[in-house]
Amino acid sequence: MPEPTEPSFDVLRWRDEPWTAQLALDLLPETNGPKVEVLSGSVIVTPHAGFDHQNAELDLAYLLKQAARRAKLWLYHEVNIVSGDDLFIPDIAVLRSSGGGRAAMDIAEAVLLGEIVSPGNRRKDVIDRPRQYAAAGVPFFLRVDLRNRVPAMALYELLEGEYQPVSAAAAGTTFVMHQPFAFSVDPADLLDEQETENQDEEQAEEQADGEG
């Protein structure tokens, strides 16, 4: 089979040598669809997670970005982070410098990396990625867990080569962190609740009827 003349997923069919982050960036096309990562020489392709995950990621990135900029840090979500030959796409990445104009950033630029736990990738988000990020020397790790649709958040700091818990909170309480920048949020605010919206509409209608 002839080699593709431009980036294409067809290359996955014929290439059987170990992959590196740079090869993936050079040979595979950019995508807004599945995540394409490289770990230990293998390409790992995963579809987007469910609506709760995507909603929490979008809202958290928006809120964190404002706080990070006040600390002169740069926040992105689902961007290419290169660690040696590995290519990670964390849900949240807080960097020391802007990634503007770049396809990827070295993990040495990361101040904080965050993962929102997906039911199908629980081991990866809870065990594997923290270990990999810690081995790369990322100072902080943030985890958001949406199990049973009761959001919880936890921040970990790298101490003596391992992440140690710094702050944690579940829905209905306030998650507070002071490093690498000041930020607080009720984890419950990261999920859309249709029932609450309907109740608000009903209350508004009842109020309008009463005024009439």
N, C-alpha and C. Protein backbone atom coordinates (compact mmCIF):
# COMPACT_ATOMS: atom_id res chain seq x y z
N MET A 1 0.85 -1.19 0.00
CA MET A 1 0.00 0.00 0.00
C MET A 1 0.88 1.24 0.00
N PRO A 2 0.65 2.20 -0.92
CA PRO A 2 1.49 3.40 -0.96
C PRO A 2 1.29 4.26 0.28
N GLU A 3 2.36 4.91 0.71
CA GLU A 3 2.27 5.78 1.87
C GLU A 3 1.46 7.02 1.53
N PRO A 4 0.62 7.50 2.45
CA PRO A 4 -0.16 8.71 2.20
C PRO A 4 0.78 9.90 1.95
N THR A 5 0.37 10.78 1.04
CA THR A 5 1.19 11.95 0.71
C THR A 5 0.91 13.11 1.65
N GLU A 6 -0.13 13.01 2.46
CA GLU A 6 -0.45 14.04 3.45
C GLU A 6 -1.00 13.34 4.69
N PRO A 7 -1.06 14.05 5.84
CA PRO A 7 -1.54 13.39 7.06
C PRO A 7 -2.85 12.65 6.85
N SER A 8 -2.89 11.39 7.29
CA SER A 8 -4.07 10.56 7.08
C SER A 8 -4.08 9.43 8.10
N PHE A 9 -5.28 9.04 8.53
CA PHE A 9 -5.40 7.91 9.44
C PHE A 9 -5.11 6.59 8.74
N ASP A 10 -5.01 6.61 7.41
CA ASP A 10 -4.66 5.39 6.67
C ASP A 10 -3.30 4.85 7.09
N VAL A 11 -2.45 5.73 7.59
CA VAL A 11 -1.11 5.30 7.99
C VAL A 11 -1.17 4.26 9.11
N LEU A 12 -2.26 4.28 9.89
CA LEU A 12 -2.40 3.31 10.98
C LEU A 12 -2.54 1.88 10.45
N ARG A 13 -2.93 1.74 9.18
CA ARG A 13 -3.13 0.41 8.62
C ARG A 13 -1.82 -0.28 8.27
N TRP A 14 -0.83 0.50 7.83
CA TRP A 14 0.38 -0.15 7.34
C TRP A 14 1.61 0.05 8.22
N ARG A 15 1.58 1.05 9.09
CA ARG A 15 2.77 1.28 9.91
C ARG A 15 2.74 0.37 11.14
N ASP A 16 3.78 -0.48 11.30
CA ASP A 16 3.81 -1.37 12.46
C ASP A 16 5.02 -1.12 13.35
N GLU A 17 5.82 -0.06 13.04
CA GLU A 17 6.92 0.30 13.92
C GLU A 17 6.38 1.09 15.12
N PRO A 18 7.17 1.16 16.20
CA PRO A 18 6.73 1.95 17.36
C PRO A 18 6.48 3.40 16.98
N TRP A 19 5.45 3.95 17.57
CA TRP A 19 5.08 5.34 17.33
C TRP A 19 5.75 6.25 18.35
N THR A 20 5.95 7.49 17.97
CA THR A 20 6.39 8.54 18.89
C THR A 20 5.43 9.71 18.76
N ALA A 21 5.51 10.63 19.72
CA ALA A 21 4.66 11.82 19.66
C ALA A 21 4.89 12.58 18.37
N GLN A 22 6.16 12.74 17.98
CA GLN A 22 6.47 13.52 16.79
C GLN A 22 5.94 12.86 15.53
N LEU A 23 6.04 11.53 15.44
CA LEU A 23 5.50 10.83 14.28
C LEU A 23 3.99 11.03 14.18
N ALA A 24 3.30 10.95 15.31
CA ALA A 24 1.86 11.15 15.31
C ALA A 24 1.50 12.55 14.85
N LEU A 25 2.25 13.54 15.32
CA LEU A 25 1.97 14.92 14.92
C LEU A 25 2.27 15.14 13.44
N ASP A 26 3.26 14.42 12.92
CA ASP A 26 3.65 14.58 11.51
C ASP A 26 2.75 13.79 10.55
N LEU A 27 2.34 12.58 10.95
CA LEU A 27 1.69 11.67 10.01
C LEU A 27 0.17 11.59 10.14
N LEU A 28 -0.36 11.94 11.31
CA LEU A 28 -1.80 11.83 11.52
C LEU A 28 -2.46 13.20 11.39
N PRO A 29 -3.68 13.26 10.86
CA PRO A 29 -4.34 14.55 10.66
C PRO A 29 -4.86 15.13 11.97
N GLU A 30 -4.98 16.45 12.00
CA GLU A 30 -5.63 17.10 13.14
C GLU A 30 -7.09 16.68 13.15
N THR A 31 -7.66 16.58 14.35
CA THR A 31 -9.04 16.12 14.44
C THR A 31 -9.75 16.80 15.60
N ASN A 32 -11.02 17.10 15.39
CA ASN A 32 -11.88 17.58 16.47
C ASN A 32 -12.74 16.45 17.00
N GLY A 33 -12.47 15.25 16.50
CA GLY A 33 -13.24 14.08 16.91
C GLY A 33 -12.56 13.32 18.02
N PRO A 34 -12.15 12.08 17.76
CA PRO A 34 -11.55 11.26 18.83
C PRO A 34 -10.19 11.79 19.26
N LYS A 35 -9.85 11.50 20.51
CA LYS A 35 -8.51 11.83 21.00
C LYS A 35 -7.52 10.82 20.41
N VAL A 36 -6.39 11.32 19.93
CA VAL A 36 -5.34 10.45 19.40
C VAL A 36 -4.09 10.71 20.21
N GLU A 37 -3.71 9.74 21.05
CA GLU A 37 -2.57 9.89 21.93
C GLU A 37 -1.55 8.79 21.63
N VAL A 38 -0.33 8.97 22.14
CA VAL A 38 0.72 7.97 21.97
C VAL A 38 1.28 7.63 23.34
N LEU A 39 1.32 6.33 23.64
CA LEU A 39 1.84 5.88 24.93
C LEU A 39 2.66 4.62 24.71
N SER A 40 3.91 4.67 25.13
CA SER A 40 4.81 3.52 25.04
C SER A 40 4.86 2.92 23.64
N GLY A 41 4.89 3.78 22.62
CA GLY A 41 5.04 3.33 21.26
C GLY A 41 3.77 2.97 20.53
N SER A 42 2.62 3.04 21.21
CA SER A 42 1.34 2.69 20.59
C SER A 42 0.44 3.91 20.46
N VAL A 43 -0.33 3.94 19.37
CA VAL A 43 -1.33 4.99 19.18
C VAL A 43 -2.62 4.55 19.87
N ILE A 44 -3.17 5.44 20.69
CA ILE A 44 -4.40 5.16 21.42
C ILE A 44 -5.47 6.13 20.95
N VAL A 45 -6.56 5.60 20.42
CA VAL A 45 -7.65 6.43 19.91
C VAL A 45 -8.88 6.20 20.78
N THR A 46 -9.43 7.29 21.31
CA THR A 46 -10.61 7.18 22.16
C THR A 46 -11.66 8.18 21.70
N PRO A 47 -12.94 7.78 21.69
CA PRO A 47 -14.01 8.71 21.29
C PRO A 47 -14.25 9.73 22.39
N HIS A 48 -14.97 10.78 22.04
CA HIS A 48 -15.36 11.75 23.05
C HIS A 48 -16.19 11.07 24.12
N ALA A 49 -16.07 11.56 25.34
CA ALA A 49 -16.84 11.02 26.45
C ALA A 49 -18.28 11.55 26.38
N GLY A 50 -19.09 11.16 27.36
CA GLY A 50 -20.50 11.52 27.37
C GLY A 50 -20.75 13.00 27.63
N PHE A 51 -22.02 13.36 27.61
CA PHE A 51 -22.40 14.77 27.72
C PHE A 51 -22.00 15.37 29.06
N ASP A 52 -22.12 14.63 30.15
CA ASP A 52 -21.72 15.16 31.46
C ASP A 52 -20.24 15.53 31.45
N HIS A 53 -19.42 14.64 30.91
CA HIS A 53 -17.98 14.88 30.84
C HIS A 53 -17.69 16.13 30.01
N GLN A 54 -18.29 16.23 28.82
CA GLN A 54 -18.03 17.36 27.94
C GLN A 54 -18.51 18.67 28.55
N ASN A 55 -19.66 18.63 29.22
CA ASN A 55 -20.20 19.83 29.85
C ASN A 55 -19.31 20.29 31.00
N ALA A 56 -18.89 19.34 31.84
CA ALA A 56 -18.03 19.68 32.96
C ALA A 56 -16.69 20.24 32.48
N GLU A 57 -16.15 19.63 31.42
CA GLU A 57 -14.87 20.08 30.89
C GLU A 57 -14.97 21.51 30.36
N LEU A 58 -16.02 21.80 29.62
CA LEU A 58 -16.18 23.12 29.03
C LEU A 58 -16.37 24.18 30.11
N ASP A 59 -17.26 23.92 31.07
CA ASP A 59 -17.51 24.90 32.12
C ASP A 59 -16.29 25.10 33.01
N LEU A 60 -15.62 24.00 33.36
CA LEU A 60 -14.45 24.12 34.22
C LEU A 60 -13.33 24.87 33.52
N ALA A 61 -13.12 24.58 32.23
CA ALA A 61 -12.08 25.27 31.49
C ALA A 61 -12.36 26.77 31.44
N TYR A 62 -13.61 27.14 31.24
CA TYR A 62 -13.98 28.56 31.18
C TYR A 62 -13.69 29.26 32.51
N LEU A 63 -14.10 28.63 33.60
CA LEU A 63 -13.91 29.23 34.92
C LEU A 63 -12.43 29.28 35.30
N LEU A 64 -11.72 28.18 35.07
CA LEU A 64 -10.30 28.13 35.41
C LEU A 64 -9.47 29.09 34.58
N LYS A 65 -9.83 29.26 33.32
CA LYS A 65 -9.06 30.12 32.42
C LYS A 65 -8.97 31.54 32.96
N GLN A 66 -10.08 32.05 33.46
CA GLN A 66 -10.08 33.40 34.00
C GLN A 66 -9.15 33.53 35.20
N ALA A 67 -9.21 32.53 36.09
CA ALA A 67 -8.35 32.56 37.28
C ALA A 67 -6.89 32.39 36.89
N ALA A 68 -6.60 31.53 35.93
CA ALA A 68 -5.22 31.29 35.49
C ALA A 68 -4.62 32.53 34.86
N ARG A 69 -5.39 33.25 34.06
CA ARG A 69 -4.85 34.44 33.41
C ARG A 69 -4.49 35.51 34.42
N ARG A 70 -5.25 35.59 35.51
CA ARG A 70 -4.91 36.56 36.55
C ARG A 70 -3.57 36.24 37.17
N ALA A 71 -3.17 34.96 37.13
CA ALA A 71 -1.87 34.54 37.65
C ALA A 71 -0.82 34.47 36.54
N LYS A 72 -1.15 35.02 35.37
CA LYS A 72 -0.24 35.05 34.21
C LYS A 72 0.12 33.64 33.74
N LEU A 73 -0.88 32.76 33.80
CA LEU A 73 -0.73 31.40 33.28
C LEU A 73 -1.74 31.22 32.15
N TRP A 74 -1.52 30.16 31.35
CA TRP A 74 -2.36 29.94 30.17
C TRP A 74 -3.07 28.60 30.28
N LEU A 75 -4.39 28.63 30.12
CA LEU A 75 -5.16 27.41 30.25
C LEU A 75 -5.79 27.01 28.92
N TYR A 76 -5.72 25.70 28.63
CA TYR A 76 -6.31 25.13 27.43
C TYR A 76 -6.99 23.82 27.80
N HIS A 77 -7.89 23.35 26.93
CA HIS A 77 -8.45 22.02 27.17
C HIS A 77 -8.29 21.18 25.91
N GLU A 78 -7.95 19.91 26.13
CA GLU A 78 -7.73 18.93 25.06
C GLU A 78 -6.72 19.42 24.02
N VAL A 79 -5.51 19.72 24.49
CA VAL A 79 -4.43 20.12 23.59
C VAL A 79 -3.30 19.09 23.66
N ASN A 80 -2.42 19.10 22.65
CA ASN A 80 -1.32 18.14 22.56
C ASN A 80 -0.20 18.50 23.52
N ILE A 81 0.12 17.57 24.41
CA ILE A 81 1.22 17.74 25.35
C ILE A 81 2.22 16.61 25.12
N VAL A 82 3.46 16.98 24.77
CA VAL A 82 4.49 15.99 24.44
C VAL A 82 5.37 15.74 25.65
N SER A 83 5.54 14.45 25.97
CA SER A 83 6.42 14.03 27.06
C SER A 83 7.36 12.97 26.51
N GLY A 84 8.55 13.38 26.09
CA GLY A 84 9.46 12.44 25.44
C GLY A 84 8.84 11.92 24.16
N ASP A 85 8.68 10.61 24.04
CA ASP A 85 8.04 10.01 22.86
C ASP A 85 6.53 9.85 23.04
N ASP A 86 6.01 10.21 24.21
CA ASP A 86 4.59 10.06 24.46
C ASP A 86 3.84 11.35 24.12
N LEU A 87 2.58 11.19 23.72
CA LEU A 87 1.71 12.32 23.40
C LEU A 87 0.44 12.20 24.23
N PHE A 88 0.22 13.17 25.11
CA PHE A 88 -0.96 13.19 25.95
C PHE A 88 -1.90 14.29 25.49
N ILE A 89 -3.20 14.06 25.68
CA ILE A 89 -4.20 15.11 25.47
C ILE A 89 -5.03 15.20 26.75
N PRO A 90 -4.54 15.92 27.75
CA PRO A 90 -5.29 16.04 29.00
C PRO A 90 -6.55 16.86 28.80
N ASP A 91 -7.53 16.65 29.66
CA ASP A 91 -8.76 17.43 29.57
C ASP A 91 -8.48 18.90 29.86
N ILE A 92 -7.59 19.17 30.81
CA ILE A 92 -7.23 20.53 31.19
C ILE A 92 -5.71 20.65 31.25
N ALA A 93 -5.18 21.73 30.70
CA ALA A 93 -3.73 21.97 30.76
C ALA A 93 -3.49 23.43 31.10
N VAL A 94 -2.78 23.67 32.18
CA VAL A 94 -2.36 25.02 32.56
C VAL A 94 -0.86 25.13 32.30
N LEU A 95 -0.48 26.09 31.44
CA LEU A 95 0.89 26.18 30.97
C LEU A 95 1.55 27.49 31.40
N ARG A 96 2.87 27.46 31.45
CA ARG A 96 3.62 28.65 31.82
C ARG A 96 3.66 29.68 30.70
N SER A 97 3.53 29.24 29.47
CA SER A 97 3.58 30.15 28.33
C SER A 97 2.48 29.82 27.35
N SER A 98 2.18 30.76 26.48
CA SER A 98 1.10 30.60 25.51
C SER A 98 1.43 29.55 24.47
N GLY A 99 0.43 28.79 24.09
CA GLY A 99 0.60 27.82 23.02
C GLY A 99 0.19 28.38 21.67
N GLY A 100 -0.04 29.68 21.59
CA GLY A 100 -0.48 30.30 20.36
C GLY A 100 0.43 29.99 19.17
N GLY A 101 -0.16 29.52 18.08
CA GLY A 101 0.60 29.21 16.88
C GLY A 101 1.28 27.86 16.88
N ARG A 102 1.12 27.08 17.93
CA ARG A 102 1.78 25.78 18.04
C ARG A 102 0.79 24.63 17.93
N ALA A 103 1.31 23.49 17.48
CA ALA A 103 0.49 22.28 17.42
C ALA A 103 0.59 21.48 18.72
N ALA A 104 1.69 21.66 19.45
CA ALA A 104 1.91 20.90 20.69
C ALA A 104 2.82 21.69 21.61
N MET A 105 2.78 21.35 22.88
CA MET A 105 3.66 21.96 23.88
C MET A 105 4.35 20.85 24.67
N ASP A 106 5.58 21.12 25.08
CA ASP A 106 6.31 20.16 25.90
C ASP A 106 5.74 20.13 27.31
N ILE A 107 5.73 18.96 27.90
CA ILE A 107 5.14 18.81 29.23
C ILE A 107 5.89 19.62 30.29
N ALA A 108 7.13 20.03 29.99
CA ALA A 108 7.88 20.87 30.92
C ALA A 108 7.21 22.23 31.12
N GLU A 109 6.35 22.63 30.16
CA GLU A 109 5.64 23.90 30.28
C GLU A 109 4.40 23.78 31.16
N ALA A 110 4.02 22.58 31.53
CA ALA A 110 2.78 22.37 32.28
C ALA A 110 2.97 22.66 33.76
N VAL A 111 2.10 23.48 34.30
CA VAL A 111 2.05 23.74 35.73
C VAL A 111 1.03 22.83 36.39
N LEU A 112 -0.06 22.60 35.68
CA LEU A 112 -1.15 21.74 36.18
C LEU A 112 -1.77 21.02 34.99
N LEU A 113 -2.01 19.73 35.15
CA LEU A 113 -2.77 18.96 34.18
C LEU A 113 -3.96 18.35 34.90
N GLY A 114 -5.10 18.31 34.21
CA GLY A 114 -6.31 17.82 34.85
C GLY A 114 -7.05 16.82 34.01
N GLU A 115 -7.72 15.87 34.65
CA GLU A 115 -8.51 14.86 33.98
C GLU A 115 -9.89 14.78 34.62
N ILE A 116 -10.90 14.67 33.77
CA ILE A 116 -12.26 14.41 34.22
C ILE A 116 -12.51 12.92 34.03
N VAL A 117 -12.79 12.23 35.09
CA VAL A 117 -12.87 10.77 35.07
C VAL A 117 -14.03 10.30 34.20
N SER A 118 -13.71 9.45 33.23
CA SER A 118 -14.73 8.84 32.37
C SER A 118 -14.99 7.42 32.84
N PRO A 119 -16.24 6.99 32.86
CA PRO A 119 -16.54 5.63 33.32
C PRO A 119 -15.74 4.56 32.57
N GLY A 120 -15.56 4.74 31.27
CA GLY A 120 -14.85 3.73 30.48
C GLY A 120 -13.35 3.80 30.59
N ASN A 121 -12.83 4.88 31.19
CA ASN A 121 -11.38 5.05 31.31
C ASN A 121 -10.99 5.36 32.75
N ARG A 122 -11.70 4.77 33.69
CA ARG A 122 -11.49 5.13 35.09
C ARG A 122 -10.06 4.85 35.55
N ARG A 123 -9.51 3.70 35.19
CA ARG A 123 -8.14 3.38 35.61
C ARG A 123 -7.16 4.40 35.04
N LYS A 124 -7.35 4.76 33.78
CA LYS A 124 -6.44 5.72 33.15
C LYS A 124 -6.46 7.05 33.88
N ASP A 125 -7.67 7.57 34.17
CA ASP A 125 -7.79 8.90 34.76
C ASP A 125 -7.42 8.93 36.24
N VAL A 126 -7.64 7.82 36.94
CA VAL A 126 -7.42 7.80 38.40
C VAL A 126 -6.02 7.31 38.75
N ILE A 127 -5.48 6.38 37.97
CA ILE A 127 -4.19 5.76 38.34
C ILE A 127 -3.09 6.07 37.33
N ASP A 128 -3.34 5.74 36.06
CA ASP A 128 -2.27 5.81 35.06
C ASP A 128 -1.79 7.23 34.79
N ARG A 129 -2.71 8.12 34.47
CA ARG A 129 -2.29 9.48 34.11
C ARG A 129 -1.61 10.22 35.26
N PRO A 130 -2.12 10.14 36.49
CA PRO A 130 -1.38 10.79 37.57
C PRO A 130 0.05 10.29 37.69
N ARG A 131 0.25 8.99 37.53
CA ARG A 131 1.61 8.44 37.61
C ARG A 131 2.48 8.98 36.48
N GLN A 132 1.91 9.05 35.28
CA GLN A 132 2.69 9.52 34.12
C GLN A 132 3.01 11.00 34.24
N TYR A 133 2.05 11.78 34.70
CA TYR A 133 2.29 13.21 34.86
C TYR A 133 3.29 13.47 35.99
N ALA A 134 3.20 12.68 37.06
CA ALA A 134 4.14 12.83 38.16
C ALA A 134 5.56 12.48 37.71
N ALA A 135 5.68 11.40 36.92
CA ALA A 135 7.00 11.00 36.42
C ALA A 135 7.61 12.07 35.54
N ALA A 136 6.75 12.85 34.87
CA ALA A 136 7.24 13.94 34.01
C ALA A 136 7.50 15.22 34.78
N GLY A 137 7.17 15.22 36.08
CA GLY A 137 7.47 16.39 36.91
C GLY A 137 6.44 17.50 36.89
N VAL A 138 5.19 17.19 36.48
CA VAL A 138 4.15 18.22 36.48
C VAL A 138 3.78 18.56 37.92
N PRO A 139 3.90 19.84 38.33
CA PRO A 139 3.74 20.20 39.75
C PRO A 139 2.37 19.89 40.36
N PHE A 140 1.29 20.04 39.57
CA PHE A 140 -0.05 19.85 40.13
C PHE A 140 -0.91 18.99 39.21
N PHE A 141 -1.78 18.21 39.83
CA PHE A 141 -2.74 17.37 39.10
C PHE A 141 -4.13 17.62 39.66
N LEU A 142 -5.09 17.86 38.77
CA LEU A 142 -6.47 18.11 39.18
C LEU A 142 -7.36 17.00 38.63
N ARG A 143 -8.20 16.44 39.48
CA ARG A 143 -9.11 15.39 39.04
C ARG A 143 -10.55 15.79 39.38
N VAL A 144 -11.43 15.57 38.40
CA VAL A 144 -12.86 15.78 38.59
C VAL A 144 -13.55 14.44 38.38
N ASP A 145 -14.33 14.02 39.35
CA ASP A 145 -15.02 12.72 39.28
C ASP A 145 -16.52 12.97 39.25
N LEU A 146 -17.19 12.42 38.25
CA LEU A 146 -18.62 12.63 38.08
C LEU A 146 -19.43 11.38 38.43
N ARG A 147 -18.85 10.50 39.20
CA ARG A 147 -19.52 9.22 39.50
C ARG A 147 -20.89 9.47 40.11
N ASN A 148 -21.89 8.73 39.59
CA ASN A 148 -23.28 8.84 40.05
C ASN A 148 -23.83 10.26 39.91
N ARG A 149 -23.22 11.04 39.03
CA ARG A 149 -23.63 12.42 38.78
C ARG A 149 -23.59 13.27 40.04
N VAL A 150 -22.64 12.95 40.92
CA VAL A 150 -22.36 13.78 42.10
C VAL A 150 -20.92 14.25 41.96
N PRO A 151 -20.70 15.40 41.34
CA PRO A 151 -19.34 15.85 41.03
C PRO A 151 -18.49 16.06 42.28
N ALA A 152 -17.23 15.66 42.17
CA ALA A 152 -16.25 15.89 43.22
C ALA A 152 -14.94 16.31 42.56
N MET A 153 -14.18 17.16 43.24
CA MET A 153 -12.91 17.64 42.70
C MET A 153 -11.81 17.44 43.73
N ALA A 154 -10.60 17.18 43.25
CA ALA A 154 -9.46 17.02 44.14
C ALA A 154 -8.21 17.56 43.45
N LEU A 155 -7.41 18.30 44.20
CA LEU A 155 -6.14 18.84 43.71
C LEU A 155 -5.01 18.13 44.43
N TYR A 156 -3.98 17.76 43.65
CA TYR A 156 -2.80 17.08 44.19
C TYR A 156 -1.55 17.86 43.83
N GLU A 157 -0.58 17.87 44.75
CA GLU A 157 0.69 18.54 44.51
C GLU A 157 1.81 17.50 44.48
N LEU A 158 2.75 17.68 43.58
CA LEU A 158 3.87 16.75 43.45
C LEU A 158 4.88 17.00 44.56
N LEU A 159 5.05 16.01 45.43
CA LEU A 159 6.00 16.10 46.54
C LEU A 159 6.81 14.81 46.59
N GLU A 160 8.12 14.94 46.47
CA GLU A 160 9.02 13.79 46.49
C GLU A 160 8.62 12.74 45.46
N GLY A 161 8.23 13.21 44.28
CA GLY A 161 7.95 12.31 43.17
C GLY A 161 6.57 11.72 43.13
N GLU A 162 5.71 12.05 44.10
CA GLU A 162 4.34 11.51 44.12
C GLU A 162 3.35 12.63 44.40
N TYR A 163 2.13 12.45 43.88
CA TYR A 163 1.09 13.44 44.14
C TYR A 163 0.48 13.22 45.51
N GLN A 164 0.41 14.31 46.26
CA GLN A 164 -0.20 14.29 47.58
C GLN A 164 -1.43 15.20 47.57
N PRO A 165 -2.55 14.78 48.19
CA PRO A 165 -3.77 15.59 48.18
C PRO A 165 -3.58 16.93 48.90
N VAL A 166 -4.13 17.97 48.28
CA VAL A 166 -4.04 19.31 48.84
C VAL A 166 -5.42 19.83 49.21
N SER A 167 -6.38 19.61 48.31
CA SER A 167 -7.73 20.12 48.54
C SER A 167 -8.73 19.21 47.84
N ALA A 168 -9.92 19.07 48.45
CA ALA A 168 -10.96 18.24 47.84
C ALA A 168 -12.32 18.71 48.31
N ALA A 169 -13.33 18.51 47.45
CA ALA A 169 -14.70 18.88 47.82
C ALA A 169 -15.66 18.15 46.91
N ALA A 170 -16.87 17.89 47.43
CA ALA A 170 -17.92 17.26 46.64
C ALA A 170 -19.04 18.27 46.40
N ALA A 171 -19.98 17.89 45.55
CA ALA A 171 -21.10 18.76 45.21
C ALA A 171 -21.81 19.25 46.47
N GLY A 172 -22.15 20.53 46.48
CA GLY A 172 -22.82 21.11 47.63
C GLY A 172 -21.88 21.79 48.59
N THR A 173 -20.58 21.62 48.38
CA THR A 173 -19.57 22.31 49.18
C THR A 173 -18.67 23.08 48.21
N THR A 174 -17.70 23.80 48.75
CA THR A 174 -16.85 24.64 47.91
C THR A 174 -15.45 24.05 47.80
N PHE A 175 -15.03 23.82 46.58
CA PHE A 175 -13.65 23.42 46.31
C PHE A 175 -12.81 24.68 46.25
N VAL A 176 -11.75 24.71 47.04
CA VAL A 176 -10.88 25.88 47.11
C VAL A 176 -9.44 25.46 46.90
N MET A 177 -8.73 26.18 46.03
CA MET A 177 -7.30 25.96 45.89
C MET A 177 -6.60 27.31 45.85
N HIS A 178 -5.35 27.32 46.31
CA HIS A 178 -4.55 28.54 46.36
C HIS A 178 -3.34 28.49 45.45
N GLN A 179 -2.92 27.28 45.09
CA GLN A 179 -1.81 27.08 44.18
C GLN A 179 -2.21 26.11 43.08
N PRO A 180 -1.75 26.28 41.86
CA PRO A 180 -0.82 27.31 41.38
C PRO A 180 -1.46 28.68 41.18
N PHE A 181 -2.77 28.78 41.45
CA PHE A 181 -3.45 30.07 41.44
C PHE A 181 -4.72 29.92 42.27
N ALA A 182 -5.28 31.04 42.68
CA ALA A 182 -6.47 31.01 43.52
C ALA A 182 -7.71 30.70 42.68
N PHE A 183 -8.52 29.77 43.19
CA PHE A 183 -9.73 29.39 42.47
C PHE A 183 -10.67 28.67 43.42
N SER A 184 -11.98 28.90 43.23
CA SER A 184 -12.97 28.18 44.03
C SER A 184 -14.23 27.96 43.20
N VAL A 185 -14.93 26.86 43.49
CA VAL A 185 -16.16 26.52 42.78
C VAL A 185 -16.89 25.43 43.54
N ASP A 186 -18.20 25.43 43.45
CA ASP A 186 -18.99 24.30 43.93
C ASP A 186 -19.00 23.28 42.79
N PRO A 187 -18.47 22.07 42.98
CA PRO A 187 -18.46 21.08 41.90
C PRO A 187 -19.83 20.83 41.28
N ALA A 188 -20.89 21.07 42.03
CA ALA A 188 -22.24 20.86 41.50
C ALA A 188 -22.52 21.76 40.30
N ASP A 189 -21.83 22.89 40.23
CA ASP A 189 -22.06 23.84 39.15
C ASP A 189 -21.53 23.34 37.81
N LEU A 190 -20.82 22.22 37.80
CA LEU A 190 -20.22 21.72 36.56
C LEU A 190 -21.14 20.81 35.77
N LEU A 191 -22.33 20.53 36.30
CA LEU A 191 -23.29 19.67 35.59
C LEU A 191 -24.58 20.43 35.30
N ASP A 192 -25.12 20.20 34.10
CA ASP A 192 -26.44 20.73 33.78
C ASP A 192 -27.50 19.86 34.43
N GLU A 193 -28.51 20.49 34.98
CA GLU A 193 -29.59 19.75 35.60
C GLU A 193 -30.91 20.18 34.97
N GLN A 194 -31.47 19.32 34.13
CA GLN A 194 -32.72 19.64 33.43
C GLN A 194 -33.86 19.89 34.41
N GLU A 195 -33.90 19.10 35.48
CA GLU A 195 -34.98 19.22 36.45
C GLU A 195 -34.98 20.60 37.07
N THR A 196 -33.79 21.12 37.41
CA THR A 196 -33.68 22.43 38.03
C THR A 196 -34.17 23.51 37.08
N GLU A 197 -33.80 23.37 35.77
CA GLU A 197 -34.23 24.35 34.79
C GLU A 197 -35.74 24.35 34.65
N ASN A 198 -36.35 23.16 34.63
CA ASN A 198 -37.80 23.07 34.52
C ASN A 198 -38.48 23.70 35.73
N GLN A 199 -37.90 23.45 36.92
CA GLN A 199 -38.47 24.02 38.13
C GLN A 199 -38.42 25.54 38.08
N ASP A 200 -37.30 26.09 37.59
CA ASP A 200 -37.17 27.54 37.48
C ASP A 200 -38.24 28.10 36.55
N GLU A 201 -38.49 27.40 35.43
CA GLU A 201 -39.50 27.86 34.48
C GLU A 201 -40.89 27.82 35.11
N GLU A 202 -41.16 26.75 35.85
CA GLU A 202 -42.46 26.62 36.50
C GLU A 202 -42.65 27.72 37.54
N GLN A 203 -41.59 28.01 38.30
CA GLN A 203 -41.69 29.06 39.31
C GLN A 203 -41.94 30.41 38.67
N ALA A 204 -41.28 30.66 37.53
CA ALA A 204 -41.47 31.93 36.82
C ALA A 204 -42.89 32.06 36.33
N GLU A 205 -43.46 30.93 35.80
CA GLU A 205 -44.82 30.96 35.31
C GLU A 205 -45.81 31.19 36.45
N GLU A 206 -45.57 30.53 37.60
CA GLU A 206 -46.45 30.72 38.75
C GLU A 206 -46.40 32.15 39.24
N GLN A 207 -45.20 32.75 39.23
CA GLN A 207 -45.06 34.13 39.67
C GLN A 207 -45.82 35.07 38.73
N ALA A 208 -45.70 34.81 37.41
CA ALA A 208 -46.40 35.63 36.43
C ALA A 208 -47.91 35.52 36.60
N ASP A 209 -48.41 34.30 36.86
CA ASP A 209 -49.84 34.11 37.07
C ASP A 209 -50.31 34.85 38.29
N GLY A 210 -49.47 34.83 39.35
CA GLY A 210 -49.86 35.52 40.57
C GLY A 210 -49.94 37.02 40.39
N GLU A 211 -49.00 37.54 39.59
CA GLU A 211 -48.99 38.98 39.36
C GLU A 211 -50.16 39.41 38.48
N GLY A 212 -50.58 38.43 37.60
CA GLY A 212 -51.70 38.74 36.72
C GLY A 212 -53.01 38.80 37.52
